[in-house]
Amino acid sequence: LPDLGAAVPFYGNQPAPTEAVKVKAPLLVHFAEVDERIN
């Protein structure tokens, strides 16, 4: 969504790095420390 105003993922799987160029919205990303599967 190129017109998305803001995105806040809590401990969510990330896209493939090649997808990063499509991100237009500002991101606020929250991680748990003990969460190797996601981190």
Full PDB file with SEQRES, HELIX, SHEET, SSBOND, CRYST1, ORIGX, SCALE, CONECT and MASTER records, all heavy atoms in Angstrom:
SEQRES   1 A   39  LEU PRO ASP LEU GLY ALA ALA VAL PRO PHE TYR GLY ASN          
SEQRES   2 A   39  GLN PRO ALA PRO THR GLU ALA VAL LYS VAL LYS ALA PRO          
SEQRES   3 A   39  LEU LEU VAL HIS PHE ALA GLU VAL ASP GLU ARG ILE ASN          
HELIX    1 AA1 PRO A   17  LYS A   22  5                                   6    
CRYST1    1.000    1.000    1.000  90.00  90.00  90.00 P 1           1          
ORIGX1      1.000000  0.000000  0.000000        0.00000                         
ORIGX2      0.000000  1.000000  0.000000        0.00000                         
ORIGX3      0.000000  0.000000  1.000000        0.00000                         
SCALE1      1.000000  0.000000  0.000000        0.00000                         
SCALE2      0.000000  1.000000  0.000000        0.00000                         
SCALE3      0.000000  0.000000  1.000000        0.00000                         
ATOM      1  N   LEU A   1       0.837  -1.202   0.000  1.00  0.00           N  
ATOM      2  CA  LEU A   1       0.000   0.000   0.000  1.00  0.00           C  
ATOM      3  C   LEU A   1       0.870   1.249   0.000  1.00  0.00           C  
ATOM      4  O   LEU A   1       1.356   1.688   1.048  1.00  0.00           O  
ATOM      5  CB  LEU A   1      -0.915   0.011   1.226  1.00  0.00           C  
ATOM      6  CG  LEU A   1      -1.816  -1.211   1.422  1.00  0.00           C  
ATOM      7  CD1 LEU A   1      -2.568  -1.096   2.737  1.00  0.00           C  
ATOM      8  CD2 LEU A   1      -2.786  -1.357   0.255  1.00  0.00           C  
ATOM      9  N   PRO A   2       1.085   1.859  -1.150  1.00  0.00           N  
ATOM     10  CA  PRO A   2       1.947   3.041  -1.196  1.00  0.00           C  
ATOM     11  C   PRO A   2       1.374   4.243  -0.456  1.00  0.00           C  
ATOM     12  O   PRO A   2       2.117   5.172  -0.110  1.00  0.00           O  
ATOM     13  CB  PRO A   2       2.073   3.326  -2.704  1.00  0.00           C  
ATOM     14  CG  PRO A   2       0.909   2.641  -3.331  1.00  0.00           C  
ATOM     15  CD  PRO A   2       0.626   1.442  -2.493  1.00  0.00           C  
ATOM     16  N   ASP A   3       0.047   4.240  -0.180  1.00  0.00           N  
ATOM     17  CA  ASP A   3      -0.560   5.367   0.525  1.00  0.00           C  
ATOM     18  C   ASP A   3      -0.793   5.079   2.002  1.00  0.00           C  
ATOM     19  O   ASP A   3      -1.474   5.845   2.690  1.00  0.00           O  
ATOM     20  CB  ASP A   3      -1.884   5.754  -0.137  1.00  0.00           C  
ATOM     21  CG  ASP A   3      -2.883   4.604  -0.192  1.00  0.00           C  
ATOM     22  OD1 ASP A   3      -2.481   3.460   0.076  1.00  0.00           O  
ATOM     23  OD2 ASP A   3      -4.064   4.858  -0.519  1.00  0.00           O  
ATOM     24  N   LEU A   4      -0.238   3.997   2.525  1.00  0.00           N  
ATOM     25  CA  LEU A   4      -0.368   3.696   3.944  1.00  0.00           C  
ATOM     26  C   LEU A   4       0.337   4.769   4.757  1.00  0.00           C  
ATOM     27  O   LEU A   4       1.463   5.158   4.460  1.00  0.00           O  
ATOM     28  CB  LEU A   4       0.251   2.324   4.236  1.00  0.00           C  
ATOM     29  CG  LEU A   4       0.096   1.775   5.652  1.00  0.00           C  
ATOM     30  CD1 LEU A   4      -1.369   1.489   5.972  1.00  0.00           C  
ATOM     31  CD2 LEU A   4       0.933   0.503   5.817  1.00  0.00           C  
ATOM     32  N   GLY A   5      -0.339   5.245   5.815  1.00  0.00           N  
ATOM     33  CA  GLY A   5       0.216   6.354   6.581  1.00  0.00           C  
ATOM     34  C   GLY A   5       1.224   5.953   7.634  1.00  0.00           C  
ATOM     35  O   GLY A   5       2.121   6.740   7.976  1.00  0.00           O  
ATOM     36  N   ALA A   6       1.099   4.747   8.179  1.00  0.00           N  
ATOM     37  CA  ALA A   6       2.002   4.294   9.238  1.00  0.00           C  
ATOM     38  C   ALA A   6       1.762   2.813   9.481  1.00  0.00           C  
ATOM     39  O   ALA A   6       0.630   2.345   9.382  1.00  0.00           O  
ATOM     40  CB  ALA A   6       1.761   5.077  10.530  1.00  0.00           C  
ATOM     41  N   ALA A   7       2.819   2.092   9.831  1.00  0.00           N  
ATOM     42  CA  ALA A   7       2.696   0.660  10.117  1.00  0.00           C  
ATOM     43  C   ALA A   7       3.462   0.323  11.388  1.00  0.00           C  
ATOM     44  O   ALA A   7       4.612   0.746  11.557  1.00  0.00           O  
ATOM     45  CB  ALA A   7       3.216  -0.179   8.949  1.00  0.00           C  
ATOM     46  N   VAL A   8       2.805  -0.453  12.254  1.00  0.00           N  
ATOM     47  CA  VAL A   8       3.412  -0.833  13.543  1.00  0.00           C  
ATOM     48  C   VAL A   8       3.314  -2.345  13.722  1.00  0.00           C  
ATOM     49  O   VAL A   8       2.288  -2.857  14.192  1.00  0.00           O  
ATOM     50  CB  VAL A   8       2.737  -0.117  14.725  1.00  0.00           C  
ATOM     51  CG1 VAL A   8       3.456  -0.468  16.031  1.00  0.00           C  
ATOM     52  CG2 VAL A   8       2.726   1.390  14.518  1.00  0.00           C  
ATOM     53  N   PRO A   9       4.340  -3.081  13.344  1.00  0.00           N  
ATOM     54  CA  PRO A   9       4.354  -4.533  13.588  1.00  0.00           C  
ATOM     55  C   PRO A   9       4.905  -4.845  14.983  1.00  0.00           C  
ATOM     56  O   PRO A   9       5.987  -4.372  15.341  1.00  0.00           O  
ATOM     57  CB  PRO A   9       5.296  -5.068  12.502  1.00  0.00           C  
ATOM     58  CG  PRO A   9       5.673  -3.884  11.647  1.00  0.00           C  
ATOM     59  CD  PRO A   9       5.448  -2.676  12.472  1.00  0.00           C  
ATOM     60  N   PHE A  10       4.152  -5.627  15.747  1.00  0.00           N  
ATOM     61  CA  PHE A  10       4.643  -6.174  16.997  1.00  0.00           C  
ATOM     62  C   PHE A  10       5.116  -7.596  16.725  1.00  0.00           C  
ATOM     63  O   PHE A  10       4.340  -8.454  16.328  1.00  0.00           O  
ATOM     64  CB  PHE A  10       3.526  -6.223  18.039  1.00  0.00           C  
ATOM     65  CG  PHE A  10       3.293  -4.953  18.809  1.00  0.00           C  
ATOM     66  CD1 PHE A  10       2.631  -3.888  18.222  1.00  0.00           C  
ATOM     67  CD2 PHE A  10       3.714  -4.834  20.126  1.00  0.00           C  
ATOM     68  CE1 PHE A  10       2.380  -2.722  18.935  1.00  0.00           C  
ATOM     69  CE2 PHE A  10       3.479  -3.679  20.848  1.00  0.00           C  
ATOM     70  CZ  PHE A  10       2.818  -2.612  20.255  1.00  0.00           C  
ATOM     71  N   TYR A  11       6.422  -7.844  16.920  1.00  0.00           N  
ATOM     72  CA  TYR A  11       7.040  -9.164  16.793  1.00  0.00           C  
ATOM     73  C   TYR A  11       6.442  -9.988  15.657  1.00  0.00           C  
ATOM     74  O   TYR A  11       5.966 -11.104  15.862  1.00  0.00           O  
ATOM     75  CB  TYR A  11       7.005  -9.931  18.119  1.00  0.00           C  
ATOM     76  CG  TYR A  11       5.805  -9.652  19.016  1.00  0.00           C  
ATOM     77  CD1 TYR A  11       4.569 -10.237  18.773  1.00  0.00           C  
ATOM     78  CD2 TYR A  11       5.921  -8.785  20.096  1.00  0.00           C  
ATOM     79  CE1 TYR A  11       3.481  -9.977  19.586  1.00  0.00           C  
ATOM     80  CE2 TYR A  11       4.832  -8.521  20.920  1.00  0.00           C  
ATOM     81  CZ  TYR A  11       3.621  -9.120  20.661  1.00  0.00           C  
ATOM     82  OH  TYR A  11       2.529  -8.854  21.466  1.00  0.00           O  
ATOM     83  N   GLY A  12       6.499  -9.411  14.447  1.00  0.00           N  
ATOM     84  CA  GLY A  12       5.969 -10.092  13.268  1.00  0.00           C  
ATOM     85  C   GLY A  12       7.057 -10.477  12.291  1.00  0.00           C  
ATOM     86  O   GLY A  12       8.119  -9.833  12.217  1.00  0.00           O  
ATOM     87  N   ASN A  13       6.809 -11.524  11.524  1.00  0.00           N  
ATOM     88  CA  ASN A  13       7.755 -11.929  10.482  1.00  0.00           C  
ATOM     89  C   ASN A  13       7.923 -10.824   9.450  1.00  0.00           C  
ATOM     90  O   ASN A  13       6.949 -10.194   9.028  1.00  0.00           O  
ATOM     91  CB  ASN A  13       7.266 -13.200   9.788  1.00  0.00           C  
ATOM     92  CG  ASN A  13       7.489 -14.434  10.622  1.00  0.00           C  
ATOM     93  OD1 ASN A  13       8.550 -14.612  11.202  1.00  0.00           O  
ATOM     94  ND2 ASN A  13       6.484 -15.296  10.693  1.00  0.00           N  
ATOM     95  N   GLN A  14       9.156 -10.605   9.036  1.00  0.00           N  
ATOM     96  CA  GLN A  14       9.440  -9.568   8.046  1.00  0.00           C  
ATOM     97  C   GLN A  14       9.374 -10.127   6.627  1.00  0.00           C  
ATOM     98  O   GLN A  14       9.601 -11.320   6.415  1.00  0.00           O  
ATOM     99  CB  GLN A  14      10.817  -8.973   8.299  1.00  0.00           C  
ATOM    100  CG  GLN A  14      11.001  -8.386   9.685  1.00  0.00           C  
ATOM    101  CD  GLN A  14      11.749  -9.317  10.622  1.00  0.00           C  
ATOM    102  OE1 GLN A  14      12.848  -9.776  10.300  1.00  0.00           O  
ATOM    103  NE2 GLN A  14      11.191  -9.606  11.784  1.00  0.00           N  
ATOM    104  N   PRO A  15       9.087  -9.261   5.660  1.00  0.00           N  
ATOM    105  CA  PRO A  15       9.122  -9.703   4.262  1.00  0.00           C  
ATOM    106  C   PRO A  15      10.547 -10.034   3.830  1.00  0.00           C  
ATOM    107  O   PRO A  15      11.513  -9.791   4.559  1.00  0.00           O  
ATOM    108  CB  PRO A  15       8.595  -8.472   3.498  1.00  0.00           C  
ATOM    109  CG  PRO A  15       7.915  -7.617   4.522  1.00  0.00           C  
ATOM    110  CD  PRO A  15       8.651  -7.867   5.800  1.00  0.00           C  
ATOM    111  N   ALA A  16      10.666 -10.549   2.622  1.00  0.00           N  
ATOM    112  CA  ALA A  16      11.999 -10.754   2.043  1.00  0.00           C  
ATOM    113  C   ALA A  16      12.674  -9.396   1.873  1.00  0.00           C  
ATOM    114  O   ALA A  16      12.014  -8.392   1.572  1.00  0.00           O  
ATOM    115  CB  ALA A  16      11.884 -11.449   0.694  1.00  0.00           C  
ATOM    116  N   PRO A  17      13.981  -9.319   2.067  1.00  0.00           N  
ATOM    117  CA  PRO A  17      14.673  -8.038   1.930  1.00  0.00           C  
ATOM    118  C   PRO A  17      14.427  -7.339   0.590  1.00  0.00           C  
ATOM    119  O   PRO A  17      14.435  -6.104   0.527  1.00  0.00           O  
ATOM    120  CB  PRO A  17      16.146  -8.415   2.101  1.00  0.00           C  
ATOM    121  CG  PRO A  17      16.111  -9.612   2.996  1.00  0.00           C  
ATOM    122  CD  PRO A  17      14.884 -10.380   2.565  1.00  0.00           C  
ATOM    123  N   THR A  18      14.174  -8.105  -0.458  1.00  0.00           N  
ATOM    124  CA  THR A  18      13.925  -7.489  -1.758  1.00  0.00           C  
ATOM    125  C   THR A  18      12.638  -6.663  -1.778  1.00  0.00           C  
ATOM    126  O   THR A  18      12.452  -5.819  -2.669  1.00  0.00           O  
ATOM    127  CB  THR A  18      13.837  -8.569  -2.852  1.00  0.00           C  
ATOM    128  OG1 THR A  18      12.878  -9.566  -2.455  1.00  0.00           O  
ATOM    129  CG2 THR A  18      15.194  -9.228  -3.069  1.00  0.00           C  
ATOM    130  N   GLU A  19      11.742  -6.892  -0.806  1.00  0.00           N  
ATOM    131  CA  GLU A  19      10.482  -6.150  -0.735  1.00  0.00           C  
ATOM    132  C   GLU A  19      10.638  -4.779  -0.100  1.00  0.00           C  
ATOM    133  O   GLU A  19       9.736  -3.943  -0.202  1.00  0.00           O  
ATOM    134  CB  GLU A  19       9.450  -6.963   0.060  1.00  0.00           C  
ATOM    135  CG  GLU A  19       9.032  -8.269  -0.596  1.00  0.00           C  
ATOM    136  CD  GLU A  19       8.212  -8.018  -1.840  1.00  0.00           C  
ATOM    137  OE1 GLU A  19       7.053  -7.582  -1.709  1.00  0.00           O  
ATOM    138  OE2 GLU A  19       8.742  -8.248  -2.940  1.00  0.00           O  
ATOM    139  N   ALA A  20      11.747  -4.528   0.558  1.00  0.00           N  
ATOM    140  CA  ALA A  20      11.909  -3.287   1.329  1.00  0.00           C  
ATOM    141  C   ALA A  20      11.792  -2.038   0.457  1.00  0.00           C  
ATOM    142  O   ALA A  20      11.321  -0.990   0.922  1.00  0.00           O  
ATOM    143  CB  ALA A  20      13.240  -3.305   2.056  1.00  0.00           C  
ATOM    144  N   VAL A  21      12.178  -2.123  -0.789  1.00  0.00           N  
ATOM    145  CA  VAL A  21      12.126  -0.945  -1.663  1.00  0.00           C  
ATOM    146  C   VAL A  21      10.694  -0.483  -1.922  1.00  0.00           C  
ATOM    147  O   VAL A  21      10.471   0.655  -2.346  1.00  0.00           O  
ATOM    148  CB  VAL A  21      12.816  -1.223  -3.015  1.00  0.00           C  
ATOM    149  CG1 VAL A  21      14.305  -1.454  -2.810  1.00  0.00           C  
ATOM    150  CG2 VAL A  21      12.174  -2.400  -3.733  1.00  0.00           C  
ATOM    151  N   LYS A  22       9.718  -1.331  -1.643  1.00  0.00           N  
ATOM    152  CA  LYS A  22       8.313  -0.979  -1.864  1.00  0.00           C  
ATOM    153  C   LYS A  22       7.698  -0.232  -0.687  1.00  0.00           C  
ATOM    154  O   LYS A  22       6.581   0.282  -0.803  1.00  0.00           O  
ATOM    155  CB  LYS A  22       7.496  -2.235  -2.135  1.00  0.00           C  
ATOM    156  CG  LYS A  22       7.963  -3.052  -3.334  1.00  0.00           C  
ATOM    157  CD  LYS A  22       7.166  -4.341  -3.472  1.00  0.00           C  
ATOM    158  CE  LYS A  22       7.665  -5.204  -4.601  1.00  0.00           C  
ATOM    159  NZ  LYS A  22       6.930  -6.495  -4.684  1.00  0.00           N  
ATOM    160  N   VAL A  23       8.397  -0.174   0.433  1.00  0.00           N  
ATOM    161  CA  VAL A  23       7.835   0.422   1.642  1.00  0.00           C  
ATOM    162  C   VAL A  23       7.904   1.943   1.558  1.00  0.00           C  
ATOM    163  O   VAL A  23       8.983   2.518   1.427  1.00  0.00           O  
ATOM    164  CB  VAL A  23       8.585  -0.063   2.901  1.00  0.00           C  
ATOM    165  CG1 VAL A  23       8.012   0.601   4.153  1.00  0.00           C  
ATOM    166  CG2 VAL A  23       8.508  -1.576   3.014  1.00  0.00           C  
ATOM    167  N   LYS A  24       6.747   2.589   1.619  1.00  0.00           N  
ATOM    168  CA  LYS A  24       6.667   4.045   1.591  1.00  0.00           C  
ATOM    169  C   LYS A  24       6.225   4.619   2.940  1.00  0.00           C  
ATOM    170  O   LYS A  24       6.467   5.787   3.227  1.00  0.00           O  
ATOM    171  CB  LYS A  24       5.697   4.509   0.503  1.00  0.00           C  
ATOM    172  CG  LYS A  24       6.010   3.956  -0.886  1.00  0.00           C  
ATOM    173  CD  LYS A  24       7.421   4.284  -1.334  1.00  0.00           C  
ATOM    174  CE  LYS A  24       7.748   3.671  -2.699  1.00  0.00           C  
ATOM    175  NZ  LYS A  24       9.175   3.853  -3.064  1.00  0.00           N  
ATOM    176  N   ALA A  25       5.554   3.796   3.742  1.00  0.00           N  
ATOM    177  CA  ALA A  25       5.061   4.251   5.039  1.00  0.00           C  
ATOM    178  C   ALA A  25       6.178   4.235   6.078  1.00  0.00           C  
ATOM    179  O   ALA A  25       7.069   3.382   6.027  1.00  0.00           O  
ATOM    180  CB  ALA A  25       3.922   3.348   5.517  1.00  0.00           C  
ATOM    181  N   PRO A  26       6.131   5.144   7.044  1.00  0.00           N  
ATOM    182  CA  PRO A  26       7.054   5.033   8.181  1.00  0.00           C  
ATOM    183  C   PRO A  26       6.705   3.806   9.019  1.00  0.00           C  
ATOM    184  O   PRO A  26       5.527   3.457   9.165  1.00  0.00           O  
ATOM    185  CB  PRO A  26       6.827   6.326   8.955  1.00  0.00           C  
ATOM    186  CG  PRO A  26       5.455   6.780   8.566  1.00  0.00           C  
ATOM    187  CD  PRO A  26       5.256   6.325   7.153  1.00  0.00           C  
ATOM    188  N   LEU A  27       7.727   3.149   9.554  1.00  0.00           N  
ATOM    189  CA  LEU A  27       7.548   1.931  10.339  1.00  0.00           C  
ATOM    190  C   LEU A  27       7.986   2.157  11.785  1.00  0.00           C  
ATOM    191  O   LEU A  27       8.996   2.816  12.042  1.00  0.00           O  
ATOM    192  CB  LEU A  27       8.387   0.791   9.772  1.00  0.00           C  
ATOM    193  CG  LEU A  27       8.183   0.364   8.323  1.00  0.00           C  
ATOM    194  CD1 LEU A  27       9.183  -0.741   7.963  1.00  0.00           C  
ATOM    195  CD2 LEU A  27       6.767  -0.114   8.103  1.00  0.00           C  
ATOM    196  N   LEU A  28       7.229   1.579  12.696  1.00  0.00           N  
ATOM    197  CA  LEU A  28       7.628   1.465  14.091  1.00  0.00           C  
ATOM    198  C   LEU A  28       7.569  -0.022  14.426  1.00  0.00           C  
ATOM    199  O   LEU A  28       6.489  -0.621  14.410  1.00  0.00           O  
ATOM    200  CB  LEU A  28       6.686   2.254  15.001  1.00  0.00           C  
ATOM    201  CG  LEU A  28       6.903   2.102  16.508  1.00  0.00           C  
ATOM    202  CD1 LEU A  28       8.289   2.608  16.915  1.00  0.00           C  
ATOM    203  CD2 LEU A  28       5.817   2.853  17.277  1.00  0.00           C  
ATOM    204  N   VAL A  29       8.731  -0.622  14.686  1.00  0.00           N  
ATOM    205  CA  VAL A  29       8.822  -2.081  14.793  1.00  0.00           C  
ATOM    206  C   VAL A  29       9.184  -2.455  16.227  1.00  0.00           C  
ATOM    207  O   VAL A  29      10.191  -1.988  16.767  1.00  0.00           O  
ATOM    208  CB  VAL A  29       9.880  -2.634  13.816  1.00  0.00           C  
ATOM    209  CG1 VAL A  29       9.810  -4.154  13.767  1.00  0.00           C  
ATOM    210  CG2 VAL A  29       9.681  -2.048  12.420  1.00  0.00           C  
ATOM    211  N   HIS A  30       8.347  -3.309  16.839  1.00  0.00           N  
ATOM    212  CA  HIS A  30       8.562  -3.748  18.212  1.00  0.00           C  
ATOM    213  C   HIS A  30       9.000  -5.216  18.230  1.00  0.00           C  
ATOM    214  O   HIS A  30       8.365  -6.060  17.587  1.00  0.00           O  
ATOM    215  CB  HIS A  30       7.273  -3.614  19.027  1.00  0.00           C  
ATOM    216  CG  HIS A  30       6.737  -2.223  19.123  1.00  0.00           C  
ATOM    217  ND1 HIS A  30       7.460  -1.190  19.690  1.00  0.00           N  
ATOM    218  CD2 HIS A  30       5.535  -1.684  18.749  1.00  0.00           C  
ATOM    219  CE1 HIS A  30       6.725  -0.079  19.654  1.00  0.00           C  
ATOM    220  NE2 HIS A  30       5.564  -0.363  19.084  1.00  0.00           N  
ATOM    221  N   PHE A  31      10.048  -5.502  18.999  1.00  0.00           N  
ATOM    222  CA  PHE A  31      10.561  -6.862  19.144  1.00  0.00           C  
ATOM    223  C   PHE A  31      10.626  -7.257  20.615  1.00  0.00           C  
ATOM    224  O   PHE A  31      10.918  -6.427  21.476  1.00  0.00           O  
ATOM    225  CB  PHE A  31      11.983  -6.977  18.581  1.00  0.00           C  
ATOM    226  CG  PHE A  31      12.090  -6.819  17.102  1.00  0.00           C  
ATOM    227  CD1 PHE A  31      12.496  -5.617  16.545  1.00  0.00           C  
ATOM    228  CD2 PHE A  31      11.804  -7.879  16.254  1.00  0.00           C  
ATOM    229  CE1 PHE A  31      12.615  -5.471  15.176  1.00  0.00           C  
ATOM    230  CE2 PHE A  31      11.924  -7.748  14.879  1.00  0.00           C  
ATOM    231  CZ  PHE A  31      12.325  -6.538  14.327  1.00  0.00           C  
ATOM    232  N   ALA A  32      10.381  -8.523  20.892  1.00  0.00           N  
ATOM    233  CA  ALA A  32      10.727  -9.099  22.182  1.00  0.00           C  
ATOM    234  C   ALA A  32      12.190  -9.529  22.133  1.00  0.00           C  
ATOM    235  O   ALA A  32      12.696  -9.928  21.087  1.00  0.00           O  
ATOM    236  CB  ALA A  32       9.835 -10.299  22.483  1.00  0.00           C  
ATOM    237  N   GLU A  33      12.855  -9.469  23.266  1.00  0.00           N  
ATOM    238  CA  GLU A  33      14.265  -9.871  23.276  1.00  0.00           C  
ATOM    239  C   GLU A  33      14.414 -11.387  23.144  1.00  0.00           C  
ATOM    240  O   GLU A  33      15.285 -11.872  22.410  1.00  0.00           O  
ATOM    241  CB  GLU A  33      14.944  -9.397  24.561  1.00  0.00           C  
ATOM    242  CG  GLU A  33      16.420  -9.740  24.593  1.00  0.00           C  
ATOM    243  CD  GLU A  33      17.125  -9.218  25.824  1.00  0.00           C  
ATOM    244  OE1 GLU A  33      16.635  -9.450  26.956  1.00  0.00           O  
ATOM    245  OE2 GLU A  33      18.176  -8.577  25.667  1.00  0.00           O  
ATOM    246  N   VAL A  34      13.556 -12.134  23.835  1.00  0.00           N  
ATOM    247  CA  VAL A  34      13.670 -13.596  23.822  1.00  0.00           C  
ATOM    248  C   VAL A  34      12.716 -14.133  22.757  1.00  0.00           C  
ATOM    249  O   VAL A  34      11.621 -14.608  23.048  1.00  0.00           O  
ATOM    250  CB  VAL A  34      13.341 -14.184  25.206  1.00  0.00           C  
ATOM    251  CG1 VAL A  34      13.654 -15.686  25.231  1.00  0.00           C  
ATOM    252  CG2 VAL A  34      14.108 -13.462  26.306  1.00  0.00           C  
ATOM    253  N   ASP A  35      13.129 -14.021  21.501  1.00  0.00           N  
ATOM    254  CA  ASP A  35      12.238 -14.359  20.386  1.00  0.00           C  
ATOM    255  C   ASP A  35      13.063 -14.627  19.135  1.00  0.00           C  
ATOM    256  O   ASP A  35      12.908 -13.946  18.109  1.00  0.00           O  
ATOM    257  CB  ASP A  35      11.249 -13.206  20.159  1.00  0.00           C  
ATOM    258  CG  ASP A  35      10.077 -13.588  19.271  1.00  0.00           C  
ATOM    259  OD1 ASP A  35       9.937 -14.780  18.920  1.00  0.00           O  
ATOM    260  OD2 ASP A  35       9.282 -12.688  18.919  1.00  0.00           O  
ATOM    261  N   GLU A  36      13.918 -15.619  19.202  1.00  0.00           N  
ATOM    262  CA  GLU A  36      14.843 -15.883  18.105  1.00  0.00           C  
ATOM    263  C   GLU A  36      14.116 -16.200  16.802  1.00  0.00           C  
ATOM    264  O   GLU A  36      14.578 -15.845  15.712  1.00  0.00           O  
ATOM    265  CB  GLU A  36      15.780 -17.038  18.482  1.00  0.00           C  
ATOM    266  CG  GLU A  36      16.811 -17.393  17.415  1.00  0.00           C  
ATOM    267  CD  GLU A  36      17.789 -16.265  17.106  1.00  0.00           C  
ATOM    268  OE1 GLU A  36      17.911 -15.333  17.932  1.00  0.00           O  
ATOM    269  OE2 GLU A  36      18.417 -16.323  16.033  1.00  0.00           O  
ATOM    270  N   ARG A  37      12.975 -16.849  16.913  1.00  0.00           N  
ATOM    271  CA  ARG A  37      12.210 -17.223  15.712  1.00  0.00           C  
ATOM    272  C   ARG A  37      11.890 -16.000  14.850  1.00  0.00           C  
ATOM    273  O   ARG A  37      11.939 -16.059  13.622  1.00  0.00           O  
ATOM    274  CB  ARG A  37      10.918 -17.928  16.130  1.00  0.00           C  
ATOM    275  CG  ARG A  37      10.028 -18.392  14.998  1.00  0.00           C  
ATOM    276  CD  ARG A  37       8.834 -19.158  15.549  1.00  0.00           C  
ATOM    277  NE  ARG A  37       8.073 -18.356  16.500  1.00  0.00           N  
ATOM    278  CZ  ARG A  37       7.149 -17.456  16.151  1.00  0.00           C  
ATOM    279  NH1 ARG A  37       6.876 -17.257  14.885  1.00  0.00           N  
ATOM    280  NH2 ARG A  37       6.496 -16.762  17.061  1.00  0.00           N  
ATOM    281  N   ILE A  38      11.570 -14.882  15.477  1.00  0.00           N  
ATOM    282  CA  ILE A  38      11.236 -13.654  14.754  1.00  0.00           C  
ATOM    283  C   ILE A  38      12.474 -12.802  14.503  1.00  0.00           C  
ATOM    284  O   ILE A  38      12.649 -12.217  13.425  1.00  0.00           O  
ATOM    285  CB  ILE A  38      10.190 -12.840  15.537  1.00  0.00           C  
ATOM    286  CG1 ILE A  38       8.854 -13.596  15.584  1.00  0.00           C  
ATOM    287  CG2 ILE A  38       9.998 -11.449  14.927  1.00  0.00           C  
ATOM    288  CD1 ILE A  38       8.198 -13.809  14.242  1.00  0.00           C  
ATOM    289  N   ASN A  39      13.349 -12.727  15.486  1.00  0.00           N  
ATOM    290  CA  ASN A  39      14.447 -11.763  15.435  1.00  0.00           C  
ATOM    291  C   ASN A  39      15.545 -12.134  14.446  1.00  0.00           C  
ATOM    292  O   ASN A  39      16.288 -11.266  13.981  1.00  0.00           O  
ATOM    293  CB  ASN A  39      15.062 -11.605  16.824  1.00  0.00           C  
ATOM    294  CG  ASN A  39      14.079 -11.046  17.839  1.00  0.00           C  
ATOM    295  OD1 ASN A  39      13.000 -10.576  17.475  1.00  0.00           O  
ATOM    296  ND2 ASN A  39      14.442 -11.091  19.107  1.00  0.00           N  
TER     297      ASN A  39                                                      
MASTER        0    0    0    1    0    0    0    6  296    1    0    3          
END                                                                             
